[in-house]
């Protein structure tokens, strides 16, 4: 089971060139790190609307990561 939780708001975001490439933004529930993944290739071409959705997802993930980091007790080891 992954400790990362993906943003469901990006389920419909796909490569504008039609290659089937997907993007994923996820937050690690234990240490608050944010993962940005481009699946199936090294790059993704996004429409302006999809790029805005990704930016908003990253902002949501950053805020959630900050909350996790603040809530974590000091000196607690993190694990993946």
PDB file of N, CA and C in Angstrom:
ATOM      1  N   UNK A   1       0.836  -1.173   0.000  1.00  0.00           N
ATOM      2  CA  UNK A   1       0.000   0.000   0.000  1.00  0.00           C
ATOM      3  C   UNK A   1       0.882   1.238   0.000  1.00  0.00           C
ATOM      4  N   UNK A   2       0.597   2.156  -0.896  1.00  0.00           N
ATOM      5  CA  UNK A   2       1.389   3.366  -1.026  1.00  0.00           C
ATOM      6  C   UNK A   2       1.015   4.382   0.046  1.00  0.00           C
ATOM      7  N   UNK A   3       2.006   5.104   0.514  1.00  0.00           N
ATOM      8  CA  UNK A   3       1.762   6.177   1.463  1.00  0.00           C
ATOM      9  C   UNK A   3       1.437   7.476   0.739  1.00  0.00           C
ATOM     10  N   UNK A   4       1.475   7.467  -0.595  1.00  0.00           N
ATOM     11  CA  UNK A   4       1.133   8.635  -1.388  1.00  0.00           C
ATOM     12  C   UNK A   4      -0.351   8.633  -1.723  1.00  0.00           C
ATOM     13  N   UNK A   5      -0.963   9.813  -1.669  1.00  0.00           N
ATOM     14  CA  UNK A   5      -2.360   9.970  -2.051  1.00  0.00           C
ATOM     15  C   UNK A   5      -2.412  10.959  -3.207  1.00  0.00           C
ATOM     16  N   UNK A   6      -2.948  10.504  -4.337  1.00  0.00           N
ATOM     17  CA  UNK A   6      -3.027  11.324  -5.549  1.00  0.00           C
ATOM     18  C   UNK A   6      -4.199  12.287  -5.492  1.00  0.00           C
ATOM     19  N   UNK A   7      -4.049  13.390  -6.212  1.00  0.00           N
ATOM     20  CA  UNK A   7      -5.119  14.376  -6.330  1.00  0.00           C
ATOM     21  C   UNK A   7      -6.134  13.865  -7.348  1.00  0.00           C
ATOM     22  N   UNK A   8      -7.371  13.608  -6.928  1.00  0.00           N
ATOM     23  CA  UNK A   8      -8.367  13.076  -7.862  1.00  0.00           C
ATOM     24  C   UNK A   8      -8.811  14.095  -8.909  1.00  0.00           C
ATOM     25  N   UNK A   9      -8.508  15.360  -8.702  1.00  0.00           N
ATOM     26  CA  UNK A   9      -8.893  16.392  -9.655  1.00  0.00           C
ATOM     27  C   UNK A   9      -8.132  16.323 -10.965  1.00  0.00           C
ATOM     28  N   UNK A  10      -7.111  15.477 -11.033  1.00  0.00           N
ATOM     29  CA  UNK A  10      -6.313  15.372 -12.252  1.00  0.00           C
ATOM     30  C   UNK A  10      -6.638  14.131 -13.078  1.00  0.00           C
ATOM     31  N   UNK A  11      -7.681  13.411 -12.699  1.00  0.00           N
ATOM     32  CA  UNK A  11      -8.007  12.166 -13.394  1.00  0.00           C
ATOM     33  C   UNK A  11      -8.225  12.354 -14.888  1.00  0.00           C
ATOM     34  N   UNK A  12      -8.738  13.496 -15.307  1.00  0.00           N
ATOM     35  CA  UNK A  12      -9.021  13.708 -16.719  1.00  0.00           C
ATOM     36  C   UNK A  12      -7.924  14.429 -17.488  1.00  0.00           C
ATOM     37  N   UNK A  13      -6.819  14.773 -16.832  1.00  0.00           N
ATOM     38  CA  UNK A  13      -5.745  15.511 -17.506  1.00  0.00           C
ATOM     39  C   UNK A  13      -4.907  14.548 -18.327  1.00  0.00           C
ATOM     40  N   UNK A  14      -4.830  14.806 -19.623  1.00  0.00           N
ATOM     41  CA  UNK A  14      -4.065  13.973 -20.554  1.00  0.00           C
ATOM     42  C   UNK A  14      -3.257  14.866 -21.482  1.00  0.00           C
ATOM     43  N   UNK A  15      -2.266  14.296 -22.090  1.00  0.00           N
ATOM     44  CA  UNK A  15      -1.402  14.981 -23.050  1.00  0.00           C
ATOM     45  C   UNK A  15      -2.232  15.582 -24.182  1.00  0.00           C
ATOM     46  N   UNK A  16      -2.033  16.873 -24.440  1.00  0.00           N
ATOM     47  CA  UNK A  16      -2.779  17.568 -25.492  1.00  0.00           C
ATOM     48  C   UNK A  16      -2.441  17.046 -26.883  1.00  0.00           C
ATOM     49  N   UNK A  17      -1.306  16.374 -27.019  1.00  0.00           N
ATOM     50  CA  UNK A  17      -0.904  15.832 -28.316  1.00  0.00           C
ATOM     51  C   UNK A  17      -1.551  14.475 -28.589  1.00  0.00           C
ATOM     52  N   UNK A  18      -2.284  13.949 -27.616  1.00  0.00           N
ATOM     53  CA  UNK A  18      -2.992  12.693 -27.813  1.00  0.00           C
ATOM     54  C   UNK A  18      -2.157  11.442 -27.634  1.00  0.00           C
ATOM     55  N   UNK A  19      -1.042  11.534 -26.912  1.00  0.00           N
ATOM     56  CA  UNK A  19      -0.169  10.380 -26.707  1.00  0.00           C
ATOM     57  C   UNK A  19      -0.569   9.532 -25.502  1.00  0.00           C
ATOM     58  N   UNK A  20      -1.588   9.932 -24.773  1.00  0.00           N
ATOM     59  CA  UNK A  20      -2.027   9.165 -23.617  1.00  0.00           C
ATOM     60  C   UNK A  20      -1.215   9.419 -22.359  1.00  0.00           C
ATOM     61  N   UNK A  21      -0.318  10.378 -22.384  1.00  0.00           N
ATOM     62  CA  UNK A  21       0.503  10.702 -21.223  1.00  0.00           C
ATOM     63  C   UNK A  21      -0.383  11.290 -20.124  1.00  0.00           C
ATOM     64  N   UNK A  22      -0.081  10.929 -18.903  1.00  0.00           N
ATOM     65  CA  UNK A  22      -0.844  11.404 -17.753  1.00  0.00           C
ATOM     66  C   UNK A  22       0.082  12.125 -16.779  1.00  0.00           C
ATOM     67  N   UNK A  23      -0.514  12.964 -15.954  1.00  0.00           N
ATOM     68  CA  UNK A  23       0.229  13.645 -14.905  1.00  0.00           C
ATOM     69  C   UNK A  23      -0.410  13.285 -13.566  1.00  0.00           C
ATOM     70  N   UNK A  24       0.417  13.193 -12.527  1.00  0.00           N
ATOM     71  CA  UNK A  24      -0.070  12.848 -11.201  1.00  0.00           C
ATOM     72  C   UNK A  24       0.602  13.746 -10.172  1.00  0.00           C
ATOM     73  N   UNK A  25      -0.190  14.302  -9.276  1.00  0.00           N
ATOM     74  CA  UNK A  25       0.324  15.049  -8.130  1.00  0.00           C
ATOM     75  C   UNK A  25      -0.158  14.310  -6.894  1.00  0.00           C
ATOM     76  N   UNK A  26       0.767  13.973  -6.003  1.00  0.00           N
ATOM     77  CA  UNK A  26       0.413  13.203  -4.814  1.00  0.00           C
ATOM     78  C   UNK A  26       1.196  13.714  -3.607  1.00  0.00           C
ATOM     79  N   UNK A  27       0.624  13.485  -2.420  1.00  0.00           N
ATOM     80  CA  UNK A  27       1.256  13.873  -1.159  1.00  0.00           C
ATOM     81  C   UNK A  27       1.554  12.609  -0.361  1.00  0.00           C
ATOM     82  N   UNK A  28       2.760  12.541   0.199  1.00  0.00           N
ATOM     83  CA  UNK A  28       3.146  11.430   1.067  1.00  0.00           C
ATOM     84  C   UNK A  28       2.540  11.694   2.442  1.00  0.00           C
ATOM     85  N   UNK A  29       1.709  10.787   2.907  1.00  0.00           N
ATOM     86  CA  UNK A  29       0.961  11.003   4.147  1.00  0.00           C
ATOM     87  C   UNK A  29       1.811  10.963   5.407  1.00  0.00           C
ATOM     88  N   UNK A  30       3.024  10.444   5.326  1.00  0.00           N
ATOM     89  CA  UNK A  30       3.868  10.347   6.520  1.00  0.00           C
ATOM     90  C   UNK A  30       4.827  11.520   6.663  1.00  0.00           C
ATOM     91  N   UNK A  31       5.370  12.005   5.544  1.00  0.00           N
ATOM     92  CA  UNK A  31       6.361  13.076   5.674  1.00  0.00           C
ATOM     93  C   UNK A  31       5.993  14.364   4.946  1.00  0.00           C
ATOM     94  N   UNK A  32       4.846  14.377   4.239  1.00  0.00           N
ATOM     95  CA  UNK A  32       4.369  15.600   3.608  1.00  0.00           C
ATOM     96  C   UNK A  32       5.043  15.974   2.306  1.00  0.00           C
ATOM     97  N   UNK A  33       5.916  15.131   1.779  1.00  0.00           N
ATOM     98  CA  UNK A  33       6.551  15.463   0.505  1.00  0.00           C
ATOM     99  C   UNK A  33       5.529  15.384  -0.619  1.00  0.00           C
ATOM    100  N   UNK A  34       5.759  16.184  -1.657  1.00  0.00           N
ATOM    101  CA  UNK A  34       4.863  16.249  -2.809  1.00  0.00           C
ATOM    102  C   UNK A  34       5.546  15.590  -3.998  1.00  0.00           C
ATOM    103  N   UNK A  35       4.809  14.690  -4.654  1.00  0.00           N
ATOM    104  CA  UNK A  35       5.346  14.008  -5.839  1.00  0.00           C
ATOM    105  C   UNK A  35       4.607  14.508  -7.066  1.00  0.00           C
ATOM    106  N   UNK A  36       5.374  14.942  -8.063  1.00  0.00           N
ATOM    107  CA  UNK A  36       4.833  15.292  -9.373  1.00  0.00           C
ATOM    108  C   UNK A  36       5.351  14.241 -10.338  1.00  0.00           C
ATOM    109  N   UNK A  37       4.454  13.459 -10.929  1.00  0.00           N
ATOM    110  CA  UNK A  37       4.856  12.388 -11.834  1.00  0.00           C
ATOM    111  C   UNK A  37       4.239  12.612 -13.207  1.00  0.00           C
ATOM    112  N   UNK A  38       5.053  12.413 -14.226  1.00  0.00           N
ATOM    113  CA  UNK A  38       4.578  12.407 -15.607  1.00  0.00           C
ATOM    114  C   UNK A  38       4.697  10.969 -16.068  1.00  0.00           C
ATOM    115  N   UNK A  39       3.544  10.352 -16.298  1.00  0.00           N
ATOM    116  CA  UNK A  39       3.491   8.920 -16.551  1.00  0.00           C
ATOM    117  C   UNK A  39       3.560   8.608 -18.041  1.00  0.00           C
ATOM    118  N   UNK A  40       4.346   7.605 -18.366  1.00  0.00           N
ATOM    119  CA  UNK A  40       4.473   7.008 -19.695  1.00  0.00           C
ATOM    120  C   UNK A  40       5.431   7.753 -20.624  1.00  0.00           C
ATOM    121  N   UNK A  41       6.065   8.842 -20.179  1.00  0.00           N
ATOM    122  CA  UNK A  41       7.026   9.574 -21.007  1.00  0.00           C
ATOM    123  C   UNK A  41       7.823  10.528 -20.119  1.00  0.00           C
ATOM    124  N   UNK A  42       8.684  11.316 -20.731  1.00  0.00           N
ATOM    125  CA  UNK A  42       9.484  12.285 -19.975  1.00  0.00           C
ATOM    126  C   UNK A  42       8.891  13.682 -19.996  1.00  0.00           C
ATOM    127  N   UNK A  43       7.895  13.915 -20.832  1.00  0.00           N
ATOM    128  CA  UNK A  43       7.290  15.244 -20.899  1.00  0.00           C
ATOM    129  C   UNK A  43       5.811  15.107 -21.211  1.00  0.00           C
ATOM    130  N   UNK A  44       5.094  16.193 -20.970  1.00  0.00           N
ATOM    131  CA  UNK A  44       3.661  16.221 -21.274  1.00  0.00           C
ATOM    132  C   UNK A  44       3.325  17.602 -21.822  1.00  0.00           C
ATOM    133  N   UNK A  45       2.524  17.627 -22.858  1.00  0.00           N
ATOM    134  CA  UNK A  45       2.025  18.874 -23.426  1.00  0.00           C
ATOM    135  C   UNK A  45       0.615  19.067 -22.897  1.00  0.00           C
ATOM    136  N   UNK A  46       0.370  20.203 -22.233  1.00  0.00           N
ATOM    137  CA  UNK A  46      -0.919  20.447 -21.599  1.00  0.00           C
ATOM    138  C   UNK A  46      -1.628  21.622 -22.257  1.00  0.00           C
ATOM    139  N   UNK A  47      -2.946  21.529 -22.322  1.00  0.00           N
ATOM    140  CA  UNK A  47      -3.727  22.702 -22.721  1.00  0.00           C
ATOM    141  C   UNK A  47      -3.617  23.715 -21.587  1.00  0.00           C
ATOM    142  N   UNK A  48      -3.996  24.940 -21.835  1.00  0.00           N
ATOM    143  CA  UNK A  48      -3.937  25.968 -20.793  1.00  0.00           C
ATOM    144  C   UNK A  48      -4.819  25.598 -19.607  1.00  0.00           C
ATOM    145  N   UNK A  49      -5.988  25.052 -19.870  1.00  0.00           N
ATOM    146  CA  UNK A  49      -6.890  24.658 -18.781  1.00  0.00           C
ATOM    147  C   UNK A  49      -6.299  23.518 -17.952  1.00  0.00           C
ATOM    148  N   UNK A  50      -5.716  22.532 -18.620  1.00  0.00           N
ATOM    149  CA  UNK A  50      -5.100  21.421 -17.895  1.00  0.00           C
ATOM    150  C   UNK A  50      -3.882  21.888 -17.104  1.00  0.00           C
ATOM    151  N   UNK A  51      -3.098  22.800 -17.658  1.00  0.00           N
ATOM    152  CA  UNK A  51      -1.942  23.338 -16.938  1.00  0.00           C
ATOM    153  C   UNK A  51      -2.401  24.058 -15.669  1.00  0.00           C
ATOM    154  N   UNK A  52      -3.509  24.762 -15.760  1.00  0.00           N
ATOM    155  CA  UNK A  52      -4.072  25.437 -14.594  1.00  0.00           C
ATOM    156  C   UNK A  52      -4.506  24.417 -13.545  1.00  0.00           C
ATOM    157  N   UNK A  53      -5.110  23.307 -13.971  1.00  0.00           N
ATOM    158  CA  UNK A  53      -5.515  22.253 -13.039  1.00  0.00           C
ATOM    159  C   UNK A  53      -4.310  21.655 -12.323  1.00  0.00           C
ATOM    160  N   UNK A  54      -3.219  21.436 -13.058  1.00  0.00           N
ATOM    161  CA  UNK A  54      -2.004  20.878 -12.452  1.00  0.00           C
ATOM    162  C   UNK A  54      -1.427  21.864 -11.440  1.00  0.00           C
ATOM    163  N   UNK A  55      -1.398  23.140 -11.797  1.00  0.00           N
ATOM    164  CA  UNK A  55      -0.880  24.158 -10.880  1.00  0.00           C
ATOM    165  C   UNK A  55      -1.705  24.201  -9.595  1.00  0.00           C
ATOM    166  N   UNK A  56      -3.018  24.130  -9.730  1.00  0.00           N
ATOM    167  CA  UNK A  56      -3.881  24.139  -8.555  1.00  0.00           C
ATOM    168  C   UNK A  56      -3.679  22.884  -7.710  1.00  0.00           C
ATOM    169  N   UNK A  57      -3.493  21.749  -8.369  1.00  0.00           N
ATOM    170  CA  UNK A  57      -3.238  20.502  -7.634  1.00  0.00           C
ATOM    171  C   UNK A  57      -1.935  20.591  -6.856  1.00  0.00           C
ATOM    172  N   UNK A  58      -0.903  21.180  -7.456  1.00  0.00           N
ATOM    173  CA  UNK A  58       0.370  21.351  -6.756  1.00  0.00           C
ATOM    174  C   UNK A  58       0.209  22.272  -5.548  1.00  0.00           C
ATOM    175  N   UNK A  59      -0.582  23.318  -5.686  1.00  0.00           N
ATOM    176  CA  UNK A  59      -0.819  24.215  -4.553  1.00  0.00           C
ATOM    177  C   UNK A  59      -1.571  23.500  -3.435  1.00  0.00           C
ATOM    178  N   UNK A  60      -2.567  22.701  -3.785  1.00  0.00           N
ATOM    179  CA  UNK A  60      -3.292  21.927  -2.768  1.00  0.00           C
ATOM    180  C   UNK A  60      -2.352  20.943  -2.073  1.00  0.00           C
ATOM    181  N   UNK A  61      -1.511  20.273  -2.858  1.00  0.00           N
ATOM    182  CA  UNK A  61      -0.575  19.301  -2.299  1.00  0.00           C
ATOM    183  C   UNK A  61       0.432  19.981  -1.374  1.00  0.00           C
ATOM    184  N   UNK A  62       0.915  21.148  -1.768  1.00  0.00           N
ATOM    185  CA  UNK A  62       1.872  21.874  -0.929  1.00  0.00           C
ATOM    186  C   UNK A  62       1.239  22.234   0.414  1.00  0.00           C
ATOM    187  N   UNK A  63      -0.005  22.693   0.383  1.00  0.00           N
ATOM    188  CA  UNK A  63      -0.681  23.043   1.627  1.00  0.00           C
ATOM    189  C   UNK A  63      -0.902  21.806   2.490  1.00  0.00           C
ATOM    190  N   UNK A  64      -1.311  20.709   1.887  1.00  0.00           N
ATOM    191  CA  UNK A  64      -1.511  19.474   2.644  1.00  0.00           C
ATOM    192  C   UNK A  64      -0.180  18.989   3.220  1.00  0.00           C
ATOM    193  N   UNK A  65       0.890  19.083   2.432  1.00  0.00           N
ATOM    194  CA  UNK A  65       2.211  18.690   2.911  1.00  0.00           C
ATOM    195  C   UNK A  65       2.655  19.522   4.098  1.00  0.00           C
ATOM    196  N   UNK A  66       2.364  20.824   4.062  1.00  0.00           N
ATOM    197  CA  UNK A  66       2.707  21.692   5.193  1.00  0.00           C
ATOM    198  C   UNK A  66       1.943  21.266   6.449  1.00  0.00           C
ATOM    199  N   UNK A  67       0.659  20.946   6.287  1.00  0.00           N
ATOM    200  CA  UNK A  67      -0.134  20.517   7.446  1.00  0.00           C
ATOM    201  C   UNK A  67       0.417  19.219   8.038  1.00  0.00           C
ATOM    202  N   UNK A  68       0.824  18.299   7.182  1.00  0.00           N
ATOM    203  CA  UNK A  68       1.386  17.033   7.655  1.00  0.00           C
ATOM    204  C   UNK A  68       2.697  17.284   8.391  1.00  0.00           C
ATOM    205  N   UNK A  69       3.537  18.138   7.836  1.00  0.00           N
ATOM    206  CA  UNK A  69       4.833  18.439   8.445  1.00  0.00           C
ATOM    207  C   UNK A  69       4.659  19.095   9.812  1.00  0.00           C
ATOM    208  N   UNK A  70       3.717  20.016   9.926  1.00  0.00           N
ATOM    209  CA  UNK A  70       3.473  20.695  11.197  1.00  0.00           C
ATOM    210  C   UNK A  70       2.915  19.718  12.225  1.00  0.00           C
ATOM    211  N   UNK A  71       2.073  18.795  11.796  1.00  0.00           N
ATOM    212  CA  UNK A  71       1.440  17.847  12.712  1.00  0.00           C
ATOM    213  C   UNK A  71       2.376  16.737  13.166  1.00  0.00           C
ATOM    214  N   UNK A  72       3.455  16.510  12.417  1.00  0.00           N
ATOM    215  CA  UNK A  72       4.374  15.416  12.750  1.00  0.00           C
ATOM    216  C   UNK A  72       5.207  15.778  13.978  1.00  0.00           C
ATOM    217  N   UNK A  73       5.296  14.907  14.956  1.00  0.00           N
ATOM    218  CA  UNK A  73       6.126  15.169  16.136  1.00  0.00           C
ATOM    219  C   UNK A  73       7.604  15.302  15.744  1.00  0.00           C
ATOM    220  N   UNK A  74       8.360  16.149  16.444  1.00  0.00           N
ATOM    221  CA  UNK A  74       9.783  16.287  16.142  1.00  0.00           C
ATOM    222  C   UNK A  74      10.549  14.977  16.367  1.00  0.00           C
ATOM    223  N   UNK A  75      11.637  14.821  15.632  1.00  0.00           N
ATOM    224  CA  UNK A  75      12.532  13.668  15.746  1.00  0.00           C
ATOM    225  C   UNK A  75      11.872  12.356  15.360  1.00  0.00           C
ATOM    226  N   UNK A  76      10.763  12.397  14.661  1.00  0.00           N
ATOM    227  CA  UNK A  76      10.129  11.167  14.198  1.00  0.00           C
ATOM    228  C   UNK A  76      10.722  10.805  12.851  1.00  0.00           C
ATOM    229  N   UNK A  77      11.304   9.629  12.733  1.00  0.00           N
ATOM    230  CA  UNK A  77      11.882   9.227  11.442  1.00  0.00           C
ATOM    231  C   UNK A  77      10.787   9.076  10.388  1.00  0.00           C
ATOM    232  N   UNK A  78      11.156   9.365   9.135  1.00  0.00           N
ATOM    233  CA  UNK A  78      10.220   9.188   8.029  1.00  0.00           C
ATOM    234  C   UNK A  78      10.619   7.955   7.265  1.00  0.00           C
ATOM    235  N   UNK A  79       9.651   7.315   6.665  1.00  0.00           N
ATOM    236  CA  UNK A  79       9.923   6.153   5.833  1.00  0.00           C
ATOM    237  C   UNK A  79       9.014   6.176   4.635  1.00  0.00           C
ATOM    238  N   UNK A  80       9.473   5.574   3.516  1.00  0.00           N
ATOM    239  CA  UNK A  80       8.682   5.588   2.297  1.00  0.00           C
ATOM    240  C   UNK A  80       7.703   4.484   2.236  1.00  0.00           C
TER     241      UNK A  80
END
